[in-house]
Amino acid sequence: VQLQASGGGLVQAGGSLRLSCVTSGFIFSYYTMAWFRQGPGEERDFVATIGRGGVTYYADSVKGRFTISRDNAKNTVYLQMNSLKPEDTAVYYCAGTTWVDVTAAAHRFNYWGQGTQVTVSS
């Protein structure tokens, strides 16, 4: 099983980035996928999730600015991040779970990617 996240980088406040997570080794379409993030000295926090049927759920801190999507043909989940703020600076991780409903609970995710760094300058 592999989850390869990419697309991070350095961006100014107000800018945009698109993260991608290419997966292999499991039946992607059966999995609820999500993005989490971990800032320096902080715990890993939920960002967004998308269910097998496309239902989405977001953390309040990113609602209206971030959009999660998936392409089952490419086994890939995306996170479009707009209007970025310095407090969005973190390592972003993609994750997958067979949990049927969308969930923000990290312990329910059994597959994790390696993370991609997002840095937003003020």
N, C-alpha and C. Protein backbone atom coordinates (compact mmCIF):
# COMPACT_ATOMS: atom_id res chain seq x y z
N VAL A 1 0.84 -1.19 0.00
CA VAL A 1 0.00 0.00 0.00
C VAL A 1 0.88 1.24 0.00
N GLN A 2 0.56 2.17 -0.90
CA GLN A 2 1.32 3.42 -0.95
C GLN A 2 0.37 4.60 -1.14
N LEU A 3 0.65 5.68 -0.43
CA LEU A 3 -0.03 6.95 -0.61
C LEU A 3 1.06 8.00 -0.76
N GLN A 4 1.16 8.58 -1.93
CA GLN A 4 2.22 9.52 -2.25
C GLN A 4 1.63 10.92 -2.40
N ALA A 5 1.87 11.76 -1.39
CA ALA A 5 1.37 13.12 -1.42
C ALA A 5 2.38 14.05 -2.07
N SER A 6 1.89 15.02 -2.79
CA SER A 6 2.75 16.01 -3.44
C SER A 6 1.99 17.32 -3.63
N GLY A 7 2.72 18.34 -4.07
CA GLY A 7 2.08 19.61 -4.37
C GLY A 7 2.31 20.69 -3.33
N GLY A 8 2.95 20.35 -2.24
CA GLY A 8 3.24 21.36 -1.23
C GLY A 8 4.29 22.34 -1.71
N GLY A 9 4.51 23.37 -0.91
CA GLY A 9 5.52 24.36 -1.26
C GLY A 9 5.36 25.61 -0.44
N LEU A 10 6.07 26.65 -0.88
CA LEU A 10 6.03 27.95 -0.21
C LEU A 10 5.15 28.89 -1.02
N VAL A 11 4.21 29.53 -0.35
CA VAL A 11 3.29 30.43 -1.03
C VAL A 11 3.00 31.62 -0.11
N GLN A 12 2.71 32.75 -0.71
CA GLN A 12 2.35 33.92 0.08
C GLN A 12 0.90 33.83 0.55
N ALA A 13 0.62 34.51 1.63
CA ALA A 13 -0.75 34.57 2.14
C ALA A 13 -1.68 35.06 1.03
N GLY A 14 -2.83 34.41 0.92
CA GLY A 14 -3.78 34.73 -0.12
C GLY A 14 -3.62 33.89 -1.37
N GLY A 15 -2.52 33.16 -1.44
CA GLY A 15 -2.26 32.33 -2.60
C GLY A 15 -2.97 30.99 -2.55
N SER A 16 -2.66 30.15 -3.54
CA SER A 16 -3.31 28.85 -3.68
C SER A 16 -2.29 27.75 -3.92
N LEU A 17 -2.65 26.56 -3.51
CA LEU A 17 -1.89 25.36 -3.81
C LEU A 17 -2.88 24.22 -4.03
N ARG A 18 -2.46 23.24 -4.82
CA ARG A 18 -3.27 22.03 -5.01
C ARG A 18 -2.43 20.83 -4.63
N LEU A 19 -2.86 20.13 -3.61
CA LEU A 19 -2.19 18.90 -3.18
C LEU A 19 -2.80 17.70 -3.89
N SER A 20 -1.96 16.73 -4.19
CA SER A 20 -2.40 15.48 -4.79
C SER A 20 -1.90 14.32 -3.94
N CYS A 21 -2.65 13.26 -3.91
CA CYS A 21 -2.23 12.04 -3.22
C CYS A 21 -2.56 10.86 -4.12
N VAL A 22 -1.52 10.31 -4.73
CA VAL A 22 -1.68 9.16 -5.61
C VAL A 22 -1.53 7.89 -4.78
N THR A 23 -2.48 6.98 -4.93
CA THR A 23 -2.48 5.78 -4.10
C THR A 23 -2.33 4.52 -4.94
N SER A 24 -1.91 3.45 -4.28
CA SER A 24 -1.83 2.15 -4.93
C SER A 24 -1.86 1.07 -3.86
N GLY A 25 -2.21 -0.13 -4.27
CA GLY A 25 -2.17 -1.26 -3.36
C GLY A 25 -3.47 -1.56 -2.63
N PHE A 26 -4.50 -0.75 -2.88
CA PHE A 26 -5.81 -1.04 -2.30
C PHE A 26 -6.87 -0.51 -3.26
N ILE A 27 -8.10 -0.94 -3.04
CA ILE A 27 -9.19 -0.57 -3.95
C ILE A 27 -9.67 0.83 -3.55
N PHE A 28 -9.11 1.82 -4.21
CA PHE A 28 -9.30 3.22 -3.85
C PHE A 28 -10.78 3.59 -3.76
N SER A 29 -11.57 3.11 -4.69
CA SER A 29 -12.98 3.52 -4.75
C SER A 29 -13.78 3.04 -3.55
N TYR A 30 -13.25 2.07 -2.81
CA TYR A 30 -13.94 1.54 -1.63
C TYR A 30 -13.63 2.36 -0.37
N TYR A 31 -12.70 3.29 -0.48
CA TYR A 31 -12.17 3.96 0.69
C TYR A 31 -12.67 5.40 0.82
N THR A 32 -12.97 5.79 2.05
CA THR A 32 -13.11 7.19 2.39
C THR A 32 -11.71 7.76 2.52
N MET A 33 -11.48 8.91 1.92
CA MET A 33 -10.16 9.54 1.93
C MET A 33 -10.22 10.87 2.66
N ALA A 34 -9.08 11.29 3.17
CA ALA A 34 -9.05 12.53 3.94
C ALA A 34 -7.67 13.17 3.89
N TRP A 35 -7.66 14.43 4.29
CA TRP A 35 -6.42 15.16 4.51
C TRP A 35 -6.38 15.60 5.98
N PHE A 36 -5.22 15.42 6.58
CA PHE A 36 -4.94 15.92 7.91
C PHE A 36 -3.71 16.81 7.81
N ARG A 37 -3.45 17.59 8.84
CA ARG A 37 -2.24 18.42 8.85
C ARG A 37 -1.68 18.50 10.26
N GLN A 38 -0.38 18.74 10.30
CA GLN A 38 0.31 18.86 11.59
C GLN A 38 1.28 20.02 11.52
N GLY A 39 0.99 21.06 12.29
CA GLY A 39 1.87 22.21 12.37
C GLY A 39 3.00 21.96 13.35
N PRO A 40 4.00 22.83 13.36
CA PRO A 40 5.14 22.66 14.26
C PRO A 40 4.68 22.63 15.72
N GLY A 41 5.06 21.57 16.43
CA GLY A 41 4.72 21.47 17.83
C GLY A 41 3.25 21.23 18.11
N GLU A 42 2.49 20.87 17.08
CA GLU A 42 1.06 20.67 17.27
C GLU A 42 0.68 19.22 16.99
N GLU A 43 -0.54 18.88 17.38
CA GLU A 43 -1.06 17.55 17.08
C GLU A 43 -1.58 17.52 15.64
N ARG A 44 -1.75 16.32 15.14
CA ARG A 44 -2.29 16.17 13.80
C ARG A 44 -3.78 16.49 13.82
N ASP A 45 -4.20 17.38 12.94
CA ASP A 45 -5.59 17.85 12.92
C ASP A 45 -6.27 17.46 11.62
N PHE A 46 -7.55 17.23 11.72
CA PHE A 46 -8.38 16.94 10.55
C PHE A 46 -8.54 18.18 9.69
N VAL A 47 -8.51 18.00 8.36
CA VAL A 47 -8.72 19.11 7.43
C VAL A 47 -10.00 18.89 6.61
N ALA A 48 -10.06 17.75 5.91
CA ALA A 48 -11.20 17.49 5.02
C ALA A 48 -11.27 16.01 4.71
N THR A 49 -12.47 15.55 4.40
CA THR A 49 -12.66 14.15 4.04
C THR A 49 -13.69 14.03 2.92
N ILE A 50 -13.56 12.96 2.14
CA ILE A 50 -14.51 12.69 1.07
C ILE A 50 -14.86 11.21 1.08
N GLY A 51 -16.13 10.91 1.09
CA GLY A 51 -16.56 9.54 1.14
C GLY A 51 -16.54 8.86 -0.22
N ARG A 52 -16.87 7.58 -0.19
CA ARG A 52 -16.86 6.80 -1.42
C ARG A 52 -17.83 7.36 -2.46
N GLY A 53 -18.93 7.91 -1.98
CA GLY A 53 -19.94 8.46 -2.87
C GLY A 53 -19.75 9.94 -3.17
N GLY A 54 -18.69 10.53 -2.63
CA GLY A 54 -18.40 11.93 -2.91
C GLY A 54 -18.86 12.91 -1.86
N VAL A 55 -19.46 12.42 -0.79
CA VAL A 55 -19.87 13.33 0.30
C VAL A 55 -18.61 13.91 0.94
N THR A 56 -18.63 15.19 1.22
CA THR A 56 -17.47 15.86 1.79
C THR A 56 -17.79 16.48 3.14
N TYR A 57 -16.73 16.67 3.92
CA TYR A 57 -16.87 17.29 5.24
C TYR A 57 -15.56 18.02 5.52
N TYR A 58 -15.66 19.24 6.08
CA TYR A 58 -14.49 20.07 6.29
C TYR A 58 -14.38 20.54 7.73
N ALA A 59 -13.14 20.78 8.13
CA ALA A 59 -12.91 21.48 9.39
C ALA A 59 -13.40 22.92 9.24
N ASP A 60 -13.91 23.48 10.31
CA ASP A 60 -14.42 24.86 10.25
C ASP A 60 -13.35 25.83 9.79
N SER A 61 -12.11 25.57 10.15
CA SER A 61 -11.02 26.50 9.85
C SER A 61 -10.72 26.61 8.36
N VAL A 62 -11.16 25.63 7.57
CA VAL A 62 -10.85 25.65 6.13
C VAL A 62 -12.09 25.72 5.26
N LYS A 63 -13.25 25.64 5.87
CA LYS A 63 -14.51 25.64 5.12
C LYS A 63 -14.62 26.91 4.28
N GLY A 64 -14.96 26.72 3.00
CA GLY A 64 -15.07 27.85 2.09
C GLY A 64 -13.78 28.23 1.41
N ARG A 65 -12.65 27.69 1.88
CA ARG A 65 -11.36 28.00 1.26
C ARG A 65 -10.74 26.77 0.61
N PHE A 66 -10.95 25.61 1.20
CA PHE A 66 -10.37 24.35 0.69
C PHE A 66 -11.46 23.50 0.07
N THR A 67 -11.07 22.72 -0.94
CA THR A 67 -11.99 21.79 -1.59
C THR A 67 -11.29 20.45 -1.78
N ILE A 68 -11.91 19.41 -1.24
CA ILE A 68 -11.38 18.05 -1.44
C ILE A 68 -12.14 17.39 -2.58
N SER A 69 -11.43 16.62 -3.39
CA SER A 69 -12.06 15.91 -4.50
C SER A 69 -11.30 14.62 -4.74
N ARG A 70 -11.90 13.75 -5.54
CA ARG A 70 -11.25 12.46 -5.82
C ARG A 70 -11.49 12.08 -7.27
N ASP A 71 -10.54 11.32 -7.81
CA ASP A 71 -10.66 10.76 -9.15
C ASP A 71 -10.40 9.27 -9.02
N ASN A 72 -11.46 8.48 -9.00
CA ASN A 72 -11.32 7.05 -8.77
C ASN A 72 -10.58 6.38 -9.93
N ALA A 73 -10.68 6.93 -11.12
CA ALA A 73 -9.97 6.35 -12.26
C ALA A 73 -8.46 6.50 -12.11
N LYS A 74 -8.03 7.53 -11.39
CA LYS A 74 -6.60 7.78 -11.20
C LYS A 74 -6.14 7.42 -9.79
N ASN A 75 -7.06 6.86 -8.97
CA ASN A 75 -6.71 6.48 -7.59
C ASN A 75 -6.07 7.65 -6.84
N THR A 76 -6.63 8.81 -7.03
CA THR A 76 -6.01 10.03 -6.50
C THR A 76 -7.05 10.89 -5.79
N VAL A 77 -6.62 11.48 -4.67
CA VAL A 77 -7.42 12.45 -3.94
C VAL A 77 -6.67 13.78 -3.97
N TYR A 78 -7.43 14.86 -4.08
CA TYR A 78 -6.86 16.19 -4.20
C TYR A 78 -7.33 17.10 -3.07
N LEU A 79 -6.56 18.14 -2.82
CA LEU A 79 -6.98 19.19 -1.91
C LEU A 79 -6.61 20.53 -2.54
N GLN A 80 -7.62 21.24 -3.02
CA GLN A 80 -7.42 22.57 -3.55
C GLN A 80 -7.50 23.56 -2.41
N MET A 81 -6.44 24.32 -2.22
CA MET A 81 -6.36 25.25 -1.09
C MET A 81 -6.25 26.67 -1.63
N ASN A 82 -7.25 27.47 -1.36
CA ASN A 82 -7.28 28.87 -1.79
C ASN A 82 -7.26 29.79 -0.58
N SER A 83 -6.96 31.04 -0.83
CA SER A 83 -6.94 32.05 0.24
C SER A 83 -6.14 31.57 1.44
N LEU A 84 -4.96 31.07 1.16
CA LEU A 84 -4.13 30.49 2.21
C LEU A 84 -3.70 31.53 3.24
N LYS A 85 -3.60 31.07 4.48
CA LYS A 85 -3.21 31.93 5.60
C LYS A 85 -1.95 31.35 6.24
N PRO A 86 -1.17 32.19 6.95
CA PRO A 86 0.02 31.67 7.63
C PRO A 86 -0.31 30.51 8.59
N GLU A 87 -1.47 30.54 9.18
CA GLU A 87 -1.84 29.46 10.11
C GLU A 87 -2.15 28.15 9.40
N ASP A 88 -2.18 28.15 8.09
CA ASP A 88 -2.33 26.90 7.33
C ASP A 88 -0.99 26.18 7.17
N THR A 89 0.10 26.81 7.60
CA THR A 89 1.41 26.19 7.50
C THR A 89 1.46 24.90 8.31
N ALA A 90 1.83 23.82 7.63
CA ALA A 90 1.84 22.49 8.27
C ALA A 90 2.34 21.46 7.27
N VAL A 91 2.59 20.28 7.79
CA VAL A 91 2.77 19.12 6.92
C VAL A 91 1.40 18.51 6.71
N TYR A 92 1.04 18.31 5.45
CA TYR A 92 -0.27 17.78 5.09
C TYR A 92 -0.15 16.31 4.72
N TYR A 93 -1.02 15.50 5.33
CA TYR A 93 -1.02 14.06 5.13
C TYR A 93 -2.35 13.61 4.51
N CYS A 94 -2.27 12.70 3.55
CA CYS A 94 -3.48 12.07 3.06
C CYS A 94 -3.65 10.74 3.79
N ALA A 95 -4.88 10.29 3.90
CA ALA A 95 -5.17 9.07 4.64
C ALA A 95 -6.40 8.40 4.05
N GLY A 96 -6.49 7.09 4.28
CA GLY A 96 -7.62 6.33 3.77
C GLY A 96 -8.18 5.39 4.82
N THR A 97 -9.50 5.17 4.75
CA THR A 97 -10.18 4.28 5.68
C THR A 97 -11.32 3.58 4.98
N THR A 98 -11.64 2.39 5.46
CA THR A 98 -12.82 1.69 4.95
C THR A 98 -14.06 2.06 5.75
N TRP A 99 -13.94 3.01 6.69
CA TRP A 99 -15.11 3.49 7.43
C TRP A 99 -16.16 3.95 6.43
N VAL A 100 -17.38 3.52 6.58
CA VAL A 100 -18.40 3.77 5.57
C VAL A 100 -18.78 5.24 5.48
N ASP A 101 -18.95 5.88 6.63
CA ASP A 101 -19.36 7.28 6.65
C ASP A 101 -18.13 8.19 6.65
N VAL A 102 -18.32 9.43 6.21
CA VAL A 102 -17.21 10.38 6.32
C VAL A 102 -16.90 10.57 7.80
N THR A 103 -15.64 10.67 8.10
CA THR A 103 -15.21 10.77 9.49
C THR A 103 -13.99 11.67 9.59
N ALA A 104 -13.90 12.37 10.71
CA ALA A 104 -12.76 13.22 10.99
C ALA A 104 -11.82 12.59 12.01
N ALA A 105 -12.12 11.39 12.44
CA ALA A 105 -11.36 10.73 13.50
C ALA A 105 -10.13 10.05 12.92
N ALA A 106 -8.97 10.55 13.29
CA ALA A 106 -7.72 10.03 12.73
C ALA A 106 -7.52 8.55 13.03
N HIS A 107 -7.98 8.10 14.19
CA HIS A 107 -7.73 6.70 14.57
C HIS A 107 -8.50 5.72 13.68
N ARG A 108 -9.47 6.22 12.93
CA ARG A 108 -10.23 5.33 12.03
C ARG A 108 -9.53 5.15 10.68
N PHE A 109 -8.47 5.89 10.44
CA PHE A 109 -7.75 5.80 9.17
C PHE A 109 -6.58 4.85 9.33
N ASN A 110 -6.52 3.84 8.46
CA ASN A 110 -5.48 2.84 8.60
C ASN A 110 -4.35 2.99 7.59
N TYR A 111 -4.57 3.80 6.54
CA TYR A 111 -3.52 4.04 5.56
C TYR A 111 -3.15 5.52 5.57
N TRP A 112 -1.85 5.81 5.62
CA TRP A 112 -1.36 7.18 5.69
C TRP A 112 -0.23 7.40 4.69
N GLY A 113 -0.21 8.59 4.09
CA GLY A 113 0.89 8.98 3.24
C GLY A 113 2.02 9.60 4.05
N GLN A 114 3.08 10.01 3.35
CA GLN A 114 4.27 10.49 4.04
C GLN A 114 4.24 11.97 4.36
N GLY A 115 3.33 12.71 3.79
CA GLY A 115 3.19 14.13 4.09
C GLY A 115 3.90 15.02 3.08
N THR A 116 3.34 16.22 2.90
CA THR A 116 3.95 17.22 2.05
C THR A 116 3.87 18.56 2.78
N GLN A 117 4.98 19.31 2.76
CA GLN A 117 5.07 20.54 3.54
C GLN A 117 4.40 21.70 2.80
N VAL A 118 3.55 22.40 3.51
CA VAL A 118 2.95 23.64 3.00
C VAL A 118 3.38 24.78 3.93
N THR A 119 3.98 25.79 3.36
CA THR A 119 4.42 26.95 4.14
C THR A 119 3.80 28.20 3.54
N VAL A 120 3.08 28.95 4.36
CA VAL A 120 2.42 30.17 3.91
C VAL A 120 3.08 31.35 4.61
N SER A 121 3.65 32.23 3.82
CA SER A 121 4.33 33.40 4.38
C SER A 121 3.37 34.59 4.45
N SER A 122 3.60 35.42 5.45
CA SER A 122 2.72 36.59 5.63
C SER A 122 3.23 37.80 4.87
